[in-house]
PDB file of N, CA and C in Angstrom:
ATOM      1  N   MET A   1      79.695  28.535   9.726  1.00  0.00           N
ATOM      2  CA  MET A   1      79.612  29.875   9.185  1.00  0.00           C
ATOM      3  C   MET A   1      79.324  30.843  10.321  1.00  0.00           C
ATOM      4  N   LYS A   2      80.197  31.827  10.495  1.00  0.00           N
ATOM      5  CA  LYS A   2      80.025  32.800  11.562  1.00  0.00           C
ATOM      6  C   LYS A   2      79.154  33.947  11.084  1.00  0.00           C
ATOM      7  N   ALA A   3      78.208  34.357  11.910  1.00  0.00           N
ATOM      8  CA  ALA A   3      77.296  35.436  11.544  1.00  0.00           C
ATOM      9  C   ALA A   3      77.983  36.798  11.559  1.00  0.00           C
ATOM     10  N   ASP A   4      79.095  36.926  12.268  1.00  0.00           N
ATOM     11  CA  ASP A   4      79.750  38.222  12.383  1.00  0.00           C
ATOM     12  C   ASP A   4      80.776  38.494  11.282  1.00  0.00           C
ATOM     13  N   ARG A   5      80.909  37.613  10.318  1.00  0.00           N
ATOM     14  CA  ARG A   5      81.863  37.840   9.228  1.00  0.00           C
ATOM     15  C   ARG A   5      81.332  38.887   8.255  1.00  0.00           C
ATOM     16  N   LYS A   6      82.246  39.665   7.707  1.00  0.00           N
ATOM     17  CA  LYS A   6      81.893  40.627   6.672  1.00  0.00           C
ATOM     18  C   LYS A   6      81.633  39.875   5.375  1.00  0.00           C
ATOM     19  N   LYS A   7      80.903  40.498   4.480  1.00  0.00           N
ATOM     20  CA  LYS A   7      80.590  39.870   3.199  1.00  0.00           C
ATOM     21  C   LYS A   7      81.438  40.492   2.100  1.00  0.00           C
ATOM     22  N   LEU A   8      81.947  39.631   1.223  1.00  0.00           N
ATOM     23  CA  LEU A   8      82.745  40.068   0.092  1.00  0.00           C
ATOM     24  C   LEU A   8      82.213  39.365  -1.149  1.00  0.00           C
ATOM     25  N   CYS A   9      81.877  40.150  -2.155  1.00  0.00           N
ATOM     26  CA  CYS A   9      81.375  39.589  -3.400  1.00  0.00           C
ATOM     27  C   CYS A   9      82.314  40.009  -4.526  1.00  0.00           C
ATOM     28  N   VAL A  10      82.849  39.030  -5.230  1.00  0.00           N
ATOM     29  CA  VAL A  10      83.720  39.286  -6.370  1.00  0.00           C
ATOM     30  C   VAL A  10      82.874  39.125  -7.627  1.00  0.00           C
ATOM     31  N   VAL A  11      82.901  40.136  -8.473  1.00  0.00           N
ATOM     32  CA  VAL A  11      82.167  40.091  -9.742  1.00  0.00           C
ATOM     33  C   VAL A  11      83.205  40.041 -10.854  1.00  0.00           C
ATOM     34  N   ALA A  12      83.125  38.995 -11.670  1.00  0.00           N
ATOM     35  CA  ALA A  12      84.115  38.801 -12.724  1.00  0.00           C
ATOM     36  C   ALA A  12      83.428  38.659 -14.078  1.00  0.00           C
ATOM     37  N   PRO A  13      83.787  39.503 -15.030  1.00  0.00           N
ATOM     38  CA  PRO A  13      83.247  39.346 -16.378  1.00  0.00           C
ATOM     39  C   PRO A  13      83.946  38.176 -17.077  1.00  0.00           C
ATOM     40  N   ALA A  14      83.219  37.483 -17.935  1.00  0.00           N
ATOM     41  CA  ALA A  14      83.807  36.357 -18.667  1.00  0.00           C
ATOM     42  C   ALA A  14      83.258  36.336 -20.089  1.00  0.00           C
ATOM     43  N   TYR A  15      84.152  36.470 -21.031  1.00  0.00           N
ATOM     44  CA  TYR A  15      83.778  36.387 -22.442  1.00  0.00           C
ATOM     45  C   TYR A  15      84.740  35.413 -23.112  1.00  0.00           C
ATOM     46  N   ASN A  16      84.205  34.314 -23.589  1.00  0.00           N
ATOM     47  CA  ASN A  16      85.009  33.256 -24.206  1.00  0.00           C
ATOM     48  C   ASN A  16      86.167  32.834 -23.297  1.00  0.00           C
ATOM     49  N   GLU A  17      85.838  32.571 -22.058  1.00  0.00           N
ATOM     50  CA  GLU A  17      86.833  32.178 -21.054  1.00  0.00           C
ATOM     51  C   GLU A  17      86.702  30.723 -20.637  1.00  0.00           C
ATOM     52  N   GLY A  18      86.063  29.919 -21.452  1.00  0.00           N
ATOM     53  CA  GLY A  18      85.867  28.519 -21.107  1.00  0.00           C
ATOM     54  C   GLY A  18      87.150  27.788 -20.760  1.00  0.00           C
ATOM     55  N   ASN A  19      88.226  28.092 -21.472  1.00  0.00           N
ATOM     56  CA  ASN A  19      89.504  27.412 -21.224  1.00  0.00           C
ATOM     57  C   ASN A  19      90.224  27.911 -19.986  1.00  0.00           C
ATOM     58  N   GLY A  20      89.959  29.134 -19.552  1.00  0.00           N
ATOM     59  CA  GLY A  20      90.686  29.693 -18.421  1.00  0.00           C
ATOM     60  C   GLY A  20      89.885  29.862 -17.152  1.00  0.00           C
ATOM     61  N   LEU A  21      88.590  29.615 -17.222  1.00  0.00           N
ATOM     62  CA  LEU A  21      87.712  29.898 -16.087  1.00  0.00           C
ATOM     63  C   LEU A  21      88.010  29.019 -14.877  1.00  0.00           C
ATOM     64  N   GLU A  22      88.289  27.753 -15.098  1.00  0.00           N
ATOM     65  CA  GLU A  22      88.588  26.867 -13.964  1.00  0.00           C
ATOM     66  C   GLU A  22      89.864  27.295 -13.258  1.00  0.00           C
ATOM     67  N   ASN A  23      90.887  27.684 -14.011  1.00  0.00           N
ATOM     68  CA  ASN A  23      92.139  28.148 -13.400  1.00  0.00           C
ATOM     69  C   ASN A  23      91.914  29.443 -12.626  1.00  0.00           C
ATOM     70  N   PHE A  24      91.141  30.359 -13.205  1.00  0.00           N
ATOM     71  CA  PHE A  24      90.809  31.612 -12.516  1.00  0.00           C
ATOM     72  C   PHE A  24      90.104  31.314 -11.197  1.00  0.00           C
ATOM     73  N   TYR A  25      89.089  30.463 -11.250  1.00  0.00           N
ATOM     74  CA  TYR A  25      88.321  30.112 -10.058  1.00  0.00           C
ATOM     75  C   TYR A  25      89.211  29.470  -8.999  1.00  0.00           C
ATOM     76  N   SER A  26      90.035  28.544  -9.420  1.00  0.00           N
ATOM     77  CA  SER A  26      90.917  27.842  -8.479  1.00  0.00           C
ATOM     78  C   SER A  26      91.885  28.806  -7.801  1.00  0.00           C
ATOM     79  N   SER A  27      92.470  29.706  -8.571  1.00  0.00           N
ATOM     80  CA  SER A  27      93.396  30.696  -8.008  1.00  0.00           C
ATOM     81  C   SER A  27      92.682  31.649  -7.064  1.00  0.00           C
ATOM     82  N   LEU A  28      91.529  32.143  -7.484  1.00  0.00           N
ATOM     83  CA  LEU A  28      90.759  33.063  -6.654  1.00  0.00           C
ATOM     84  C   LEU A  28      90.325  32.390  -5.352  1.00  0.00           C
ATOM     85  N   LYS A  29      89.841  31.178  -5.463  1.00  0.00           N
ATOM     86  CA  LYS A  29      89.388  30.439  -4.286  1.00  0.00           C
ATOM     87  C   LYS A  29      90.535  30.221  -3.295  1.00  0.00           C
ATOM     88  N   SER A  30      91.718  29.915  -3.805  1.00  0.00           N
ATOM     89  CA  SER A  30      92.876  29.714  -2.930  1.00  0.00           C
ATOM     90  C   SER A  30      93.191  30.970  -2.129  1.00  0.00           C
ATOM     91  N   VAL A  31      93.100  32.107  -2.774  1.00  0.00           N
ATOM     92  CA  VAL A  31      93.370  33.370  -2.087  1.00  0.00           C
ATOM     93  C   VAL A  31      92.263  33.689  -1.090  1.00  0.00           C
ATOM     94  N   LEU A  32      91.017  33.562  -1.522  1.00  0.00           N
ATOM     95  CA  LEU A  32      89.894  33.943  -0.657  1.00  0.00           C
ATOM     96  C   LEU A  32      89.721  33.010   0.526  1.00  0.00           C
ATOM     97  N   GLU A  33      90.145  31.768   0.399  1.00  0.00           N
ATOM     98  CA  GLU A  33      90.051  30.851   1.530  1.00  0.00           C
ATOM     99  C   GLU A  33      90.968  31.272   2.674  1.00  0.00           C
ATOM    100  N   THR A  34      91.977  32.070   2.381  1.00  0.00           N
ATOM    101  CA  THR A  34      92.881  32.532   3.441  1.00  0.00           C
ATOM    102  C   THR A  34      92.243  33.599   4.311  1.00  0.00           C
ATOM    103  N   ILE A  35      91.132  34.193   3.862  1.00  0.00           N
ATOM    104  CA  ILE A  35      90.466  35.238   4.639  1.00  0.00           C
ATOM    105  C   ILE A  35      89.064  34.825   5.094  1.00  0.00           C
ATOM    106  N   GLU A  36      88.757  33.545   4.978  1.00  0.00           N
ATOM    107  CA  GLU A  36      87.405  33.078   5.322  1.00  0.00           C
ATOM    108  C   GLU A  36      87.043  33.272   6.784  1.00  0.00           C
ATOM    109  N   SER A  37      88.021  33.413   7.664  1.00  0.00           N
ATOM    110  CA  SER A  37      87.672  33.640   9.064  1.00  0.00           C
ATOM    111  C   SER A  37      87.111  35.051   9.270  1.00  0.00           C
ATOM    112  N   THR A  38      87.418  35.955   8.350  1.00  0.00           N
ATOM    113  CA  THR A  38      86.956  37.338   8.438  1.00  0.00           C
ATOM    114  C   THR A  38      85.837  37.641   7.442  1.00  0.00           C
ATOM    115  N   TYR A  39      85.895  37.010   6.280  1.00  0.00           N
ATOM    116  CA  TYR A  39      84.954  37.323   5.199  1.00  0.00           C
ATOM    117  C   TYR A  39      84.183  36.093   4.725  1.00  0.00           C
ATOM    118  N   GLU A  40      82.914  36.283   4.536  1.00  0.00           N
ATOM    119  CA  GLU A  40      82.074  35.298   3.845  1.00  0.00           C
ATOM    120  C   GLU A  40      82.049  35.776   2.393  1.00  0.00           C
ATOM    121  N   TRP A  41      82.613  34.985   1.480  1.00  0.00           N
ATOM    122  CA  TRP A  41      82.758  35.472   0.116  1.00  0.00           C
ATOM    123  C   TRP A  41      81.899  34.700  -0.876  1.00  0.00           C
ATOM    124  N   SER A  42      81.640  35.375  -1.978  1.00  0.00           N
ATOM    125  CA  SER A  42      80.917  34.746  -3.081  1.00  0.00           C
ATOM    126  C   SER A  42      81.492  35.276  -4.390  1.00  0.00           C
ATOM    127  N   LEU A  43      81.211  34.572  -5.452  1.00  0.00           N
ATOM    128  CA  LEU A  43      81.695  34.937  -6.777  1.00  0.00           C
ATOM    129  C   LEU A  43      80.521  34.986  -7.736  1.00  0.00           C
ATOM    130  N   ILE A  44      80.408  36.071  -8.448  1.00  0.00           N
ATOM    131  CA  ILE A  44      79.409  36.207  -9.503  1.00  0.00           C
ATOM    132  C   ILE A  44      80.169  36.303 -10.814  1.00  0.00           C
ATOM    133  N   ILE A  45      79.893  35.390 -11.721  1.00  0.00           N
ATOM    134  CA  ILE A  45      80.517  35.412 -13.042  1.00  0.00           C
ATOM    135  C   ILE A  45      79.493  35.957 -14.018  1.00  0.00           C
ATOM    136  N   VAL A  46      79.816  37.086 -14.622  1.00  0.00           N
ATOM    137  CA  VAL A  46      78.935  37.727 -15.592  1.00  0.00           C
ATOM    138  C   VAL A  46      79.402  37.292 -16.974  1.00  0.00           C
ATOM    139  N   ILE A  47      78.537  36.569 -17.667  1.00  0.00           N
ATOM    140  CA  ILE A  47      78.920  35.996 -18.952  1.00  0.00           C
ATOM    141  C   ILE A  47      78.275  36.777 -20.085  1.00  0.00           C
ATOM    142  N   ASP A  48      79.138  37.384 -20.902  1.00  0.00           N
ATOM    143  CA  ASP A  48      78.658  37.987 -22.145  1.00  0.00           C
ATOM    144  C   ASP A  48      78.303  36.832 -23.082  1.00  0.00           C
ATOM    145  N   PRO A  49      77.649  37.108 -24.178  1.00  0.00           N
ATOM    146  CA  PRO A  49      77.264  36.007 -25.072  1.00  0.00           C
ATOM    147  C   PRO A  49      78.487  35.324 -25.690  1.00  0.00           C
ATOM    148  N   SER A  50      79.135  34.504 -24.881  1.00  0.00           N
ATOM    149  CA  SER A  50      80.334  33.799 -25.322  1.00  0.00           C
ATOM    150  C   SER A  50      80.006  32.784 -26.408  1.00  0.00           C
ATOM    151  N   GLN A  51      80.997  32.541 -27.238  1.00  0.00           N
ATOM    152  CA  GLN A  51      80.842  31.579 -28.326  1.00  0.00           C
ATOM    153  C   GLN A  51      81.424  30.216 -27.966  1.00  0.00           C
ATOM    154  N   ASP A  52      82.009  30.103 -26.790  1.00  0.00           N
ATOM    155  CA  ASP A  52      82.610  28.838 -26.379  1.00  0.00           C
ATOM    156  C   ASP A  52      81.794  28.214 -25.245  1.00  0.00           C
ATOM    157  N   ASN A  53      82.427  27.417 -24.434  1.00  0.00           N
ATOM    158  CA  ASN A  53      81.735  26.689 -23.366  1.00  0.00           C
ATOM    159  C   ASN A  53      81.805  27.395 -22.011  1.00  0.00           C
ATOM    160  N   THR A  54      81.935  28.708 -22.012  1.00  0.00           N
ATOM    161  CA  THR A  54      82.035  29.466 -20.764  1.00  0.00           C
ATOM    162  C   THR A  54      80.838  29.215 -19.855  1.00  0.00           C
ATOM    163  N   VAL A  55      79.654  29.212 -20.403  1.00  0.00           N
ATOM    164  CA  VAL A  55      78.440  29.008 -19.595  1.00  0.00           C
ATOM    165  C   VAL A  55      78.468  27.640 -18.922  1.00  0.00           C
ATOM    166  N   GLU A  56      78.808  26.615 -19.659  1.00  0.00           N
ATOM    167  CA  GLU A  56      78.837  25.260 -19.097  1.00  0.00           C
ATOM    168  C   GLU A  56      79.887  25.138 -17.995  1.00  0.00           C
ATOM    169  N   VAL A  57      81.057  25.708 -18.228  1.00  0.00           N
ATOM    170  CA  VAL A  57      82.112  25.653 -17.210  1.00  0.00           C
ATOM    171  C   VAL A  57      81.667  26.390 -15.951  1.00  0.00           C
ATOM    172  N   ALA A  58      81.067  27.560 -16.114  1.00  0.00           N
ATOM    173  CA  ALA A  58      80.584  28.326 -14.961  1.00  0.00           C
ATOM    174  C   ALA A  58      79.514  27.545 -14.196  1.00  0.00           C
ATOM    175  N   ARG A  59      78.621  26.900 -14.899  1.00  0.00           N
ATOM    176  CA  ARG A  59      77.584  26.085 -14.225  1.00  0.00           C
ATOM    177  C   ARG A  59      78.200  24.940 -13.449  1.00  0.00           C
ATOM    178  N   ASP A  60      79.177  24.270 -14.052  1.00  0.00           N
ATOM    179  CA  ASP A  60      79.849  23.161 -13.371  1.00  0.00           C
ATOM    180  C   ASP A  60      80.559  23.646 -12.098  1.00  0.00           C
ATOM    181  N   LEU A  61      81.207  24.800 -12.191  1.00  0.00           N
ATOM    182  CA  LEU A  61      81.866  25.354 -11.011  1.00  0.00           C
ATOM    183  C   LEU A  61      80.858  25.693  -9.924  1.00  0.00           C
ATOM    184  N   ALA A  62      79.738  26.280 -10.317  1.00  0.00           N
ATOM    185  CA  ALA A  62      78.706  26.642  -9.337  1.00  0.00           C
ATOM    186  C   ALA A  62      78.142  25.405  -8.658  1.00  0.00           C
ATOM    187  N   GLN A  63      77.952  24.345  -9.412  1.00  0.00           N
ATOM    188  CA  GLN A  63      77.394  23.121  -8.832  1.00  0.00           C
ATOM    189  C   GLN A  63      78.388  22.417  -7.920  1.00  0.00           C
ATOM    190  N   SER A  64      79.668  22.617  -8.175  1.00  0.00           N
ATOM    191  CA  SER A  64      80.673  21.922  -7.370  1.00  0.00           C
ATOM    192  C   SER A  64      81.033  22.672  -6.085  1.00  0.00           C
ATOM    193  N   ASP A  65      80.591  23.916  -5.961  1.00  0.00           N
ATOM    194  CA  ASP A  65      80.903  24.728  -4.780  1.00  0.00           C
ATOM    195  C   ASP A  65      79.640  24.915  -3.947  1.00  0.00           C
ATOM    196  N   PRO A  66      79.651  24.472  -2.701  1.00  0.00           N
ATOM    197  CA  PRO A  66      78.447  24.563  -1.860  1.00  0.00           C
ATOM    198  C   PRO A  66      78.060  25.983  -1.465  1.00  0.00           C
ATOM    199  N   ARG A  67      78.909  26.959  -1.738  1.00  0.00           N
ATOM    200  CA  ARG A  67      78.574  28.349  -1.402  1.00  0.00           C
ATOM    201  C   ARG A  67      77.404  28.761  -2.238  1.00  0.00           C
TER     202      ARG A  67
END
């Protein structure tokens, strides 16, 4: 991790997105990995009171990513 990289934080709202959250994350990560030499990035998923498994999927994604 380079100390001179700029920081980029993506904030994404999620409401009942349990079925699509992994695809969103995978696509976003693929794009952001192309700029990792310039940017240190992070993702914040803001979860409204979803009625599905959005929270569980978001937790699993967070645990699987060392960022």
